[in-house]
Amino acid sequence: MTTAAMSQAMRADLSPAPDIGIAVRPWEKVSYGIGDFACGLSWNAVGAFLLYFYTNVALLPAAAVGTLFLLSRLFDAGIDLGVGIMVDRTRTRWGRTRPYFLFTAIPFSILLVLTFTTIDGSTGAKLAYAYVTFTLLGILYSFLAVPFSALMPMMTRDHGTRMQLGSARAIGTSVSVILATAATMPLVILLGGGNERLGFALVALIFAGLTLAALLNLFFSCRERHYDEAPAGGAIMPHVGAMFRNRAWLVTFLFCTLNFLRFGCVISVTAFFAIEVMRAPWMIGILLPAVSGTLLLSAFIAPFIFKRTGIRSGCMIALMLAIILHLILPWIEAQHSLFLALFVVAAILVSLTMTAIFTMAADAVDYHEWVFGTRNEGLLSSGISLSTKIGMAVGTAIIAYVLAVCGYDPKAVTEGARAAIRWSYYGWPIGIMIVQIGIIAFWPMDGLHDRIRRDIAARAA
């Protein structure tokens, strides 16, 4: 698109259309999925390799890196909620969410490159630089992730269409995970020519360009059709209190936090597990993409499964089967082919529950309107974005602290360190999935969608 065409499109009146009869166009669904690719590519690269980059390339102490991840993401707690409130109070000719994609795209892409760049100097100077760049990247991510999650319930009220959008989002996530996890290290080696410091910077530059293009496409292609007609302003705390009394939102928040806690643990420890425990570095390129890359398959089968089982029962069954497979994996480590086959099946089962989260987050907005009379898409979505950050941060910090406690030294790895890595690879995911089963049992929306839509329509009439 030329500069003149972009300017003309931006000047056009693209305000939200409240007509409930307007269907979501096929390209909008694709663009929504590409939007998640934009958000996920950078964040999956950060989740999968930033711990490795900080400890093995920037040569920062593992314990200090764990604290960095934890403090930076806890700081985001207030940022995400603030962005959610801003989205609810935003009124522009482009809508409530779309301006954030336009104005955040360039600075976010720049910060991604800076985050995977280290400076010369003392450990303290390099750690300070890491704190600044990683924290700023997280803040800008809030200005993308929160509006992006708030966009889906504004695009459509139809549950079936939301499942399709959730599947499109899962595909975007899957592609971003596959690219971020499977291609990063080969590209680092290829582009860096043996210099990992240079290689990571160049790969981050490529990922930043892809992210920028995908975010601009999201801005120009997707529309907002349904939103809270209440004027901006008013007290904030009553809305926050109502959010925590929204059972559907609370279940989604806790379930999503645990999901990304597991995700953060797994992708952070996988490289160490493949190299030090399995003694097969080549498995990194299979294990990491399988952790969430299986979303590509689950995106197609999830709508059919959850249509028959409901989200609550479907997620509980999938997690139970995944736990059984994870209990088998330690006993077949020597059989690489069988290990990988069972791991991929377990990853598919877990990916089904991750696909469900996207729909749950949108359904929680309808549940909120049904119970409290307001939608508050931005505020509710900020909580879900916060859950992903908290989960990823705590999961990554846990692995960093485990490495520090067991005395991990990349130049001289002890058997005790290998045992700690092995336990972390299996133990944390199993324990977390058990708790997830207890959380999803309280999901209230199965079977209520038609009633909620009728009640909201009757109230509006």
Protein backbone atom coordinates (compact mmCIF):
# COMPACT_ATOMS: atom_id res chain seq x y z
CA MET A 1 0.00 0.00 0.00
CA THR A 2 1.39 3.42 -0.97
CA THR A 3 1.79 6.28 1.49
CA ALA A 4 -0.96 8.22 -0.27
CA ALA A 5 -3.33 5.26 -0.10
CA MET A 6 -2.57 4.75 3.59
CA SER A 7 -3.26 8.40 4.31
CA GLN A 8 -6.52 8.28 2.38
CA ALA A 9 -7.64 5.16 4.25
CA MET A 10 -6.77 6.72 7.59
CA ARG A 11 -8.75 9.87 6.73
CA ALA A 12 -11.79 7.81 5.80
CA ASP A 13 -14.57 7.45 8.32
CA LEU A 14 -13.85 3.99 9.71
CA SER A 15 -15.75 4.36 12.94
CA PRO A 16 -17.30 1.27 14.56
CA ALA A 17 -20.48 0.01 12.97
CA PRO A 18 -23.08 -1.09 15.54
CA ASP A 19 -25.22 -2.93 12.95
CA ILE A 20 -25.48 -6.49 14.30
CA GLY A 21 -26.42 -7.77 10.86
CA ILE A 22 -22.98 -7.15 9.39
CA ALA A 23 -21.09 -10.43 9.15
CA VAL A 24 -17.39 -10.75 9.79
CA ARG A 25 -15.71 -11.04 6.41
CA PRO A 26 -13.31 -13.92 5.66
CA TRP A 27 -10.31 -11.61 5.30
CA GLU A 28 -11.13 -10.04 8.67
CA LYS A 29 -10.91 -13.47 10.29
CA VAL A 30 -7.57 -14.07 8.59
CA SER A 31 -6.33 -10.62 9.59
CA TYR A 32 -7.37 -11.20 13.18
CA GLY A 33 -5.27 -14.37 13.18
CA ILE A 34 -2.37 -12.46 11.63
CA GLY A 35 -2.75 -9.94 14.44
CA ASP A 36 -2.08 -12.66 17.00
CA PHE A 37 0.93 -13.68 14.91
CA ALA A 38 2.22 -10.12 15.32
CA CYS A 39 1.76 -10.20 19.10
CA GLY A 40 2.96 -13.77 19.48
CA LEU A 41 6.09 -13.77 17.32
CA SER A 42 8.00 -11.37 19.51
CA TRP A 43 6.66 -12.67 22.81
CA ASN A 44 7.37 -16.31 21.95
CA ALA A 45 10.91 -15.42 20.92
CA VAL A 46 11.29 -13.63 24.25
CA GLY A 47 9.79 -16.53 26.19
CA ALA A 48 11.80 -19.22 24.43
CA PHE A 49 15.22 -17.62 24.10
CA LEU A 50 15.62 -14.50 26.22
CA LEU A 51 16.65 -16.52 29.29
CA TYR A 52 19.24 -18.30 27.14
CA PHE A 53 20.32 -14.98 25.59
CA TYR A 54 20.78 -13.31 28.96
CA THR A 55 22.67 -16.21 30.59
CA ASN A 56 24.72 -17.59 27.68
CA VAL A 57 25.23 -14.54 25.41
CA ALA A 58 25.03 -11.51 27.69
CA LEU A 59 26.55 -13.66 30.50
CA LEU A 60 24.23 -12.38 33.22
CA PRO A 61 23.75 -14.39 36.46
CA ALA A 62 20.73 -16.73 36.31
CA ALA A 63 19.31 -15.56 39.65
CA ALA A 64 19.51 -11.91 38.58
CA VAL A 65 17.73 -12.78 35.33
CA GLY A 66 14.97 -14.58 37.24
CA THR A 67 14.41 -11.47 39.37
CA LEU A 68 14.42 -9.35 36.21
CA PHE A 69 11.64 -11.40 34.63
CA LEU A 70 9.59 -11.42 37.82
CA LEU A 71 9.84 -7.71 38.71
CA SER A 72 9.33 -6.45 35.17
CA ARG A 73 6.15 -8.43 34.69
CA LEU A 74 4.72 -7.62 38.11
CA PHE A 75 5.23 -3.97 37.21
CA ASP A 76 3.03 -4.64 34.18
CA ALA A 77 0.10 -5.47 36.48
CA GLY A 78 -0.84 -1.84 36.85
CA ILE A 79 0.05 -1.09 33.24
CA ASP A 80 -2.34 -3.69 31.82
CA LEU A 81 -5.26 -2.56 33.95
CA GLY A 82 -4.52 1.04 33.04
CA VAL A 83 -4.48 0.21 29.33
CA GLY A 84 -7.76 -1.67 29.71
CA ILE A 85 -9.40 1.37 31.26
CA MET A 86 -7.95 3.56 28.50
CA VAL A 87 -9.45 1.28 25.83
CA ASP A 88 -12.89 1.54 27.45
CA ARG A 89 -12.61 5.32 27.44
CA THR A 90 -11.10 5.70 23.98
CA ARG A 91 -13.34 7.39 21.41
CA THR A 92 -11.85 7.90 17.94
CA ARG A 93 -13.03 7.76 14.34
CA TRP A 94 -11.06 4.50 14.03
CA GLY A 95 -12.73 2.87 17.03
CA ARG A 96 -11.58 2.01 20.51
CA THR A 97 -8.91 -0.62 19.90
CA ARG A 98 -7.52 -0.05 16.41
CA PRO A 99 -5.59 3.20 17.09
CA TYR A 100 -3.39 1.32 19.53
CA PHE A 101 -2.22 -1.06 16.79
CA LEU A 102 -1.32 1.87 14.54
CA PHE A 103 0.63 3.99 17.02
CA THR A 104 2.35 1.18 18.96
CA ALA A 105 3.57 -0.86 16.00
CA ILE A 106 6.79 1.07 15.24
CA PRO A 107 8.11 1.66 18.79
CA PHE A 108 7.33 -1.94 19.76
CA SER A 109 9.26 -3.27 16.76
CA ILE A 110 12.25 -1.09 17.66
CA LEU A 111 12.23 -2.26 21.28
CA LEU A 112 12.20 -5.90 20.17
CA VAL A 113 15.54 -5.38 18.41
CA LEU A 114 17.01 -3.50 21.37
CA THR A 115 15.92 -6.24 23.79
CA PHE A 116 17.93 -8.85 21.89
CA THR A 117 20.96 -6.55 21.78
CA THR A 118 23.48 -6.42 24.61
CA ILE A 119 26.02 -3.74 25.42
CA ASP A 120 29.67 -3.86 26.39
CA GLY A 121 30.48 -3.06 29.98
CA SER A 122 30.19 -4.40 33.50
CA THR A 123 27.61 -6.93 34.61
CA GLY A 124 25.74 -4.15 36.40
CA ALA A 125 25.57 -2.01 33.26
CA LYS A 126 24.37 -4.91 31.11
CA LEU A 127 21.77 -5.83 33.74
CA ALA A 128 20.52 -2.23 33.89
CA TYR A 129 20.23 -2.16 30.09
CA ALA A 130 18.30 -5.44 30.19
CA TYR A 131 15.91 -4.04 32.82
CA VAL A 132 15.18 -0.92 30.76
CA THR A 133 14.70 -2.62 27.39
CA PHE A 134 12.73 -5.62 28.68
CA THR A 135 10.46 -3.46 30.85
CA LEU A 136 9.73 -1.02 28.02
CA LEU A 137 9.02 -3.92 25.66
CA GLY A 138 6.52 -5.29 28.17
CA ILE A 139 4.80 -1.92 28.53
CA LEU A 140 4.42 -1.54 24.77
CA TYR A 141 3.19 -5.12 24.55
CA SER A 142 0.38 -4.15 26.93
CA PHE A 143 -0.70 -1.47 24.45
CA LEU A 144 -1.00 -4.21 21.81
CA ALA A 145 -2.24 -7.27 23.68
CA VAL A 146 -5.02 -5.61 25.70
CA PRO A 147 -6.70 -3.85 22.72
CA PHE A 148 -6.23 -7.00 20.63
CA SER A 149 -8.09 -9.16 23.15
CA ALA A 150 -10.78 -6.49 23.48
CA LEU A 151 -11.29 -6.48 19.70
CA MET A 152 -12.90 -9.93 19.34
CA PRO A 153 -16.09 -9.25 21.37
CA MET A 154 -16.42 -5.96 19.46
CA MET A 155 -16.23 -7.75 16.11
CA THR A 156 -19.16 -10.15 16.67
CA ARG A 157 -21.63 -11.41 19.25
CA ASP A 158 -22.14 -14.75 17.50
CA HIS A 159 -20.59 -17.63 19.47
CA GLY A 160 -19.89 -19.68 16.36
CA THR A 161 -18.09 -16.79 14.69
CA ARG A 162 -16.10 -16.25 17.85
CA MET A 163 -15.01 -19.88 17.75
CA GLN A 164 -13.83 -19.24 14.17
CA LEU A 165 -11.99 -16.10 15.26
CA GLY A 166 -10.53 -18.05 18.16
CA SER A 167 -9.35 -20.69 15.71
CA ALA A 168 -7.86 -18.01 13.46
CA ARG A 169 -6.09 -16.58 16.49
CA ALA A 170 -4.84 -20.04 17.44
CA ILE A 171 -3.44 -20.47 13.93
CA GLY A 172 -1.68 -17.12 14.21
CA THR A 173 -0.27 -18.13 17.58
CA SER A 174 0.82 -21.49 16.20
CA VAL A 175 2.64 -19.99 13.22
CA SER A 176 4.34 -17.45 15.48
CA VAL A 177 5.47 -20.21 17.85
CA ILE A 178 6.76 -22.40 15.04
CA LEU A 179 8.70 -19.51 13.51
CA ALA A 180 9.98 -18.15 16.82
CA THR A 181 11.05 -21.49 18.27
CA ALA A 182 12.07 -23.57 15.26
CA ALA A 183 13.74 -20.88 13.15
CA THR A 184 15.41 -18.65 15.73
CA MET A 185 18.51 -20.71 16.54
CA PRO A 186 19.19 -21.84 12.94
CA LEU A 187 18.89 -18.21 11.83
CA VAL A 188 21.12 -17.05 14.68
CA ILE A 189 23.79 -19.51 13.53
CA LEU A 190 23.31 -18.69 9.84
CA LEU A 191 23.19 -14.90 10.11
CA GLY A 192 25.68 -14.58 12.95
CA GLY A 193 28.28 -16.87 11.40
CA GLY A 194 29.12 -18.28 14.83
CA ASN A 195 28.62 -14.93 16.59
CA GLU A 196 25.43 -15.44 18.65
CA ARG A 197 25.39 -11.81 19.75
CA LEU A 198 25.17 -10.62 16.15
CA GLY A 199 22.87 -13.46 15.14
CA PHE A 200 20.24 -12.67 17.79
CA ALA A 201 20.23 -8.98 16.84
CA LEU A 202 19.68 -9.76 13.15
CA VAL A 203 16.94 -12.30 13.85
CA ALA A 204 15.19 -9.76 16.09
CA LEU A 205 15.37 -7.26 13.23
CA ILE A 206 13.65 -9.72 10.86
CA PHE A 207 10.97 -10.54 13.43
CA ALA A 208 10.41 -6.82 14.07
CA GLY A 209 9.74 -6.21 10.36
CA LEU A 210 7.20 -9.04 10.22
CA THR A 211 5.52 -7.76 13.39
CA LEU A 212 5.23 -4.23 12.01
CA ALA A 213 3.61 -5.41 8.75
CA ALA A 214 1.13 -7.68 10.57
CA LEU A 215 0.05 -4.94 13.00
CA LEU A 216 -0.59 -2.44 10.22
CA ASN A 217 -2.69 -5.04 8.40
CA LEU A 218 -4.69 -5.59 11.60
CA PHE A 219 -5.42 -1.87 11.82
CA PHE A 220 -6.59 -1.55 8.21
CA SER A 221 -8.54 -4.83 7.92
CA CYS A 222 -10.59 -5.43 11.10
CA ARG A 223 -13.73 -3.57 12.21
CA GLU A 224 -15.52 -2.97 15.50
CA ARG A 225 -19.28 -3.57 15.41
CA HIS A 226 -20.43 -3.99 19.01
CA TYR A 227 -19.36 -1.92 21.97
CA ASP A 228 -20.62 -0.37 25.17
CA GLU A 229 -22.63 2.75 24.30
CA ALA A 230 -22.03 4.27 27.73
CA PRO A 231 -20.08 7.55 27.60
CA ALA A 232 -16.45 7.63 28.68
CA GLY A 233 -15.70 8.58 32.28
CA GLY A 234 -17.14 7.67 35.64
CA ALA A 235 -15.68 5.92 38.68
CA ILE A 236 -13.21 3.12 37.97
CA MET A 237 -13.26 0.98 41.11
CA PRO A 238 -16.90 -0.19 40.77
CA HIS A 239 -16.01 -1.60 37.36
CA VAL A 240 -12.91 -3.32 38.76
CA GLY A 241 -14.97 -4.78 41.59
CA ALA A 242 -17.56 -6.07 39.15
CA MET A 243 -14.80 -7.67 37.08
CA PHE A 244 -13.65 -9.75 40.05
CA ARG A 245 -17.28 -10.77 40.72
CA ASN A 246 -17.65 -11.96 37.12
CA ARG A 247 -17.38 -15.73 37.51
CA ALA A 248 -16.72 -16.35 33.81
CA TRP A 249 -13.91 -13.79 33.77
CA LEU A 250 -12.38 -15.06 37.01
CA VAL A 251 -12.28 -18.65 35.73
CA THR A 252 -10.76 -17.46 32.45
CA PHE A 253 -8.16 -15.36 34.27
CA LEU A 254 -7.05 -18.17 36.58
CA PHE A 255 -7.13 -20.83 33.86
CA CYS A 256 -5.16 -18.60 31.48
CA THR A 257 -2.61 -17.66 34.17
CA LEU A 258 -1.95 -21.33 34.91
CA ASN A 259 -1.74 -22.14 31.21
CA PHE A 260 0.97 -19.56 30.63
CA LEU A 261 2.72 -20.48 33.88
CA ARG A 262 3.07 -23.99 32.43
CA PHE A 263 3.99 -22.54 29.04
CA GLY A 264 6.66 -20.29 30.55
CA CYS A 265 8.22 -23.17 32.47
CA VAL A 266 8.26 -25.52 29.48
CA ILE A 267 9.64 -23.23 26.81
CA SER A 268 12.26 -21.81 29.19
CA VAL A 269 13.61 -25.21 30.22
CA THR A 270 13.28 -27.03 26.88
CA ALA A 271 16.61 -25.94 25.40
CA PHE A 272 18.43 -26.96 28.60
CA PHE A 273 16.48 -30.26 28.72
CA ALA A 274 17.29 -31.21 25.13
CA ILE A 275 20.98 -30.39 25.46
CA GLU A 276 21.77 -31.59 28.98
CA VAL A 277 19.24 -34.37 29.67
CA MET A 278 18.34 -35.86 26.31
CA ARG A 279 21.84 -35.12 24.95
CA ALA A 280 20.13 -34.31 21.65
CA PRO A 281 20.28 -30.58 20.81
CA TRP A 282 18.47 -31.28 17.53
CA MET A 283 15.32 -31.97 19.53
CA ILE A 284 15.00 -28.27 20.41
CA GLY A 285 13.65 -27.64 16.90
CA ILE A 286 10.91 -30.24 17.49
CA LEU A 287 10.06 -29.91 21.17
CA LEU A 288 9.71 -26.12 21.25
CA PRO A 289 7.41 -25.79 18.20
CA ALA A 290 5.32 -28.70 19.49
CA VAL A 291 4.68 -26.94 22.82
CA SER A 292 2.31 -24.48 21.17
CA GLY A 293 2.81 -25.02 17.46
CA THR A 294 0.22 -27.78 17.71
CA LEU A 295 -2.31 -24.97 18.02
CA LEU A 296 -2.31 -25.09 14.23
CA LEU A 297 -4.02 -28.47 14.34
CA SER A 298 -6.15 -27.81 17.40
CA ALA A 299 -7.47 -24.62 15.77
CA PHE A 300 -9.24 -26.76 13.18
CA ILE A 301 -10.56 -29.49 15.48
CA ALA A 302 -11.38 -27.45 18.61
CA PRO A 303 -14.66 -25.93 17.30
CA PHE A 304 -16.01 -29.40 16.47
CA ILE A 305 -14.95 -30.87 19.82
CA PHE A 306 -16.16 -28.05 22.05
CA LYS A 307 -19.44 -27.79 20.14
CA ARG A 308 -20.20 -31.31 21.32
CA THR A 309 -18.58 -31.39 24.75
CA GLY A 310 -18.77 -27.77 25.87
CA ILE A 311 -15.68 -25.94 27.04
CA ARG A 312 -15.75 -27.25 30.62
CA SER A 313 -15.94 -30.99 29.87
CA GLY A 314 -13.75 -30.76 26.78
CA CYS A 315 -10.92 -29.02 28.64
CA MET A 316 -11.11 -31.39 31.61
CA ILE A 317 -10.88 -34.48 29.40
CA ALA A 318 -8.03 -33.04 27.33
CA LEU A 319 -6.00 -32.15 30.44
CA MET A 320 -6.54 -35.55 32.06
CA LEU A 321 -5.26 -37.33 28.96
CA ALA A 322 -2.30 -34.94 28.71
CA ILE A 323 -1.34 -35.65 32.33
CA ILE A 324 -1.34 -39.41 31.67
CA LEU A 325 0.97 -38.95 28.69
CA HIS A 326 3.32 -36.69 30.67
CA LEU A 327 3.60 -39.40 33.34
CA ILE A 328 4.70 -41.89 30.66
CA LEU A 329 7.34 -39.64 29.03
CA PRO A 330 10.13 -40.02 31.65
CA TRP A 331 10.14 -43.78 31.11
CA ILE A 332 10.73 -43.61 27.35
CA GLU A 333 13.41 -40.92 27.09
CA ALA A 334 15.84 -43.34 25.44
CA GLN A 335 13.36 -44.00 22.62
CA HIS A 336 13.46 -40.64 20.90
CA SER A 337 10.86 -41.38 18.21
CA LEU A 338 8.28 -42.73 20.67
CA PHE A 339 9.04 -39.90 23.10
CA LEU A 340 8.44 -37.27 20.44
CA ALA A 341 5.25 -38.96 19.21
CA LEU A 342 3.66 -39.05 22.67
CA PHE A 343 4.88 -35.53 23.42
CA VAL A 344 3.22 -34.16 20.27
CA VAL A 345 -0.08 -35.90 21.15
CA ALA A 346 0.09 -34.40 24.66
CA ALA A 347 0.85 -30.98 23.16
CA ILE A 348 -2.21 -31.23 20.90
CA LEU A 349 -4.42 -32.01 23.89
CA VAL A 350 -3.07 -29.04 25.84
CA SER A 351 -3.40 -26.82 22.76
CA LEU A 352 -7.14 -27.55 22.67
CA THR A 353 -7.47 -25.87 26.06
CA MET A 354 -5.40 -22.92 24.88
CA THR A 355 -7.72 -22.47 21.89
CA ALA A 356 -10.66 -22.49 24.31
CA ILE A 357 -9.18 -19.56 26.26
CA PHE A 358 -9.60 -17.20 23.31
CA THR A 359 -13.34 -17.91 23.16
CA MET A 360 -13.70 -17.88 26.95
CA ALA A 361 -12.26 -14.37 27.10
CA ALA A 362 -14.84 -13.08 24.62
CA ASP A 363 -17.70 -14.96 26.30
CA ALA A 364 -16.74 -13.42 29.64
CA VAL A 365 -17.60 -9.99 28.17
CA ASP A 366 -21.13 -11.14 27.31
CA TYR A 367 -21.48 -12.69 30.75
CA HIS A 368 -20.41 -9.37 32.28
CA GLU A 369 -23.02 -7.45 30.28
CA TRP A 370 -25.66 -10.03 31.23
CA VAL A 371 -24.95 -9.74 34.96
CA PHE A 372 -23.81 -6.13 35.38
CA GLY A 373 -25.27 -4.30 32.37
CA THR A 374 -21.93 -3.03 30.98
CA ARG A 375 -19.40 -4.67 28.68
CA ASN A 376 -16.05 -3.10 29.70
CA GLU A 377 -14.19 -4.97 26.95
CA GLY A 378 -10.93 -3.14 27.59
CA LEU A 379 -10.86 -3.69 31.34
CA LEU A 380 -11.80 -7.37 31.09
CA SER A 381 -9.28 -7.97 28.31
CA SER A 382 -6.54 -6.27 30.32
CA GLY A 383 -6.99 -8.90 32.99
CA ILE A 384 -6.54 -11.69 30.46
CA SER A 385 -3.45 -9.99 29.02
CA LEU A 386 -2.13 -9.61 32.54
CA SER A 387 -2.65 -13.33 33.17
CA THR A 388 -0.46 -14.23 30.19
CA LYS A 389 2.32 -11.95 31.43
CA ILE A 390 2.16 -13.10 35.03
CA GLY A 391 2.12 -16.74 33.97
CA MET A 392 5.02 -16.38 31.54
CA ALA A 393 7.05 -14.26 33.97
CA VAL A 394 6.60 -16.55 36.95
CA GLY A 395 7.19 -19.65 34.82
CA THR A 396 10.41 -18.27 33.36
CA ALA A 397 11.56 -16.97 36.76
CA ILE A 398 10.97 -20.40 38.32
CA ILE A 399 13.29 -22.04 35.79
CA ALA A 400 15.90 -19.30 36.22
CA TYR A 401 15.85 -19.77 40.01
CA VAL A 402 16.05 -23.56 39.63
CA LEU A 403 19.16 -23.11 37.47
CA ALA A 404 20.64 -20.78 40.08
CA VAL A 405 19.87 -23.06 43.04
CA CYS A 406 21.30 -26.16 41.34
CA GLY A 407 24.46 -24.23 40.44
CA TYR A 408 24.03 -24.40 36.69
CA ASP A 409 27.19 -23.43 34.82
CA PRO A 410 27.03 -23.67 31.00
CA LYS A 411 30.74 -24.54 30.96
CA ALA A 412 30.53 -27.35 33.55
CA VAL A 413 27.07 -28.89 34.02
CA THR A 414 26.78 -31.21 37.02
CA GLU A 415 24.55 -34.27 37.37
CA GLY A 416 22.63 -32.43 40.09
CA ALA A 417 21.85 -29.64 37.62
CA ARG A 418 20.72 -32.18 35.03
CA ALA A 419 18.40 -33.81 37.58
CA ALA A 420 16.89 -30.42 38.47
CA ILE A 421 16.33 -29.62 34.79
CA ARG A 422 14.72 -33.03 34.21
CA TRP A 423 12.37 -32.69 37.18
CA SER A 424 11.38 -29.18 36.10
CA TYR A 425 10.55 -30.37 32.59
CA TYR A 426 7.97 -32.89 33.83
CA GLY A 427 6.96 -31.88 37.35
CA TRP A 428 5.81 -28.29 36.87
CA PRO A 429 3.53 -28.99 33.86
CA ILE A 430 1.84 -31.98 35.53
CA GLY A 431 1.16 -30.10 38.77
CA ILE A 432 -0.16 -27.06 36.94
CA MET A 433 -2.51 -29.08 34.72
CA ILE A 434 -4.01 -30.77 37.80
CA VAL A 435 -4.87 -27.34 39.23
CA GLN A 436 -6.28 -26.25 35.84
CA ILE A 437 -8.77 -29.12 35.94
CA GLY A 438 -10.07 -27.85 39.27
CA ILE A 439 -10.38 -24.28 37.92
CA ILE A 440 -12.20 -25.09 34.65
CA ALA A 441 -14.78 -27.13 36.58
CA PHE A 442 -16.31 -23.79 37.63
CA TRP A 443 -16.80 -22.48 34.06
CA PRO A 444 -20.41 -21.16 33.98
CA MET A 445 -21.14 -20.42 30.31
CA ASP A 446 -21.79 -23.84 28.73
CA GLY A 447 -25.41 -23.92 27.56
CA LEU A 448 -26.08 -20.27 28.45
CA HIS A 449 -25.09 -18.49 25.22
CA ASP A 450 -28.55 -18.37 23.63
CA ARG A 451 -30.22 -17.29 26.87
CA ILE A 452 -27.66 -14.54 27.43
CA ARG A 453 -28.09 -13.18 23.90
CA ARG A 454 -31.90 -13.18 24.25
CA ASP A 455 -31.78 -11.44 27.63
CA ILE A 456 -29.34 -8.77 26.40
CA ALA A 457 -31.44 -8.17 23.29
CA ALA A 458 -34.64 -7.94 25.36
CA ARG A 459 -32.99 -5.50 27.77
CA ALA A 460 -31.82 -3.34 24.86
CA ALA A 461 -35.33 -3.39 23.31
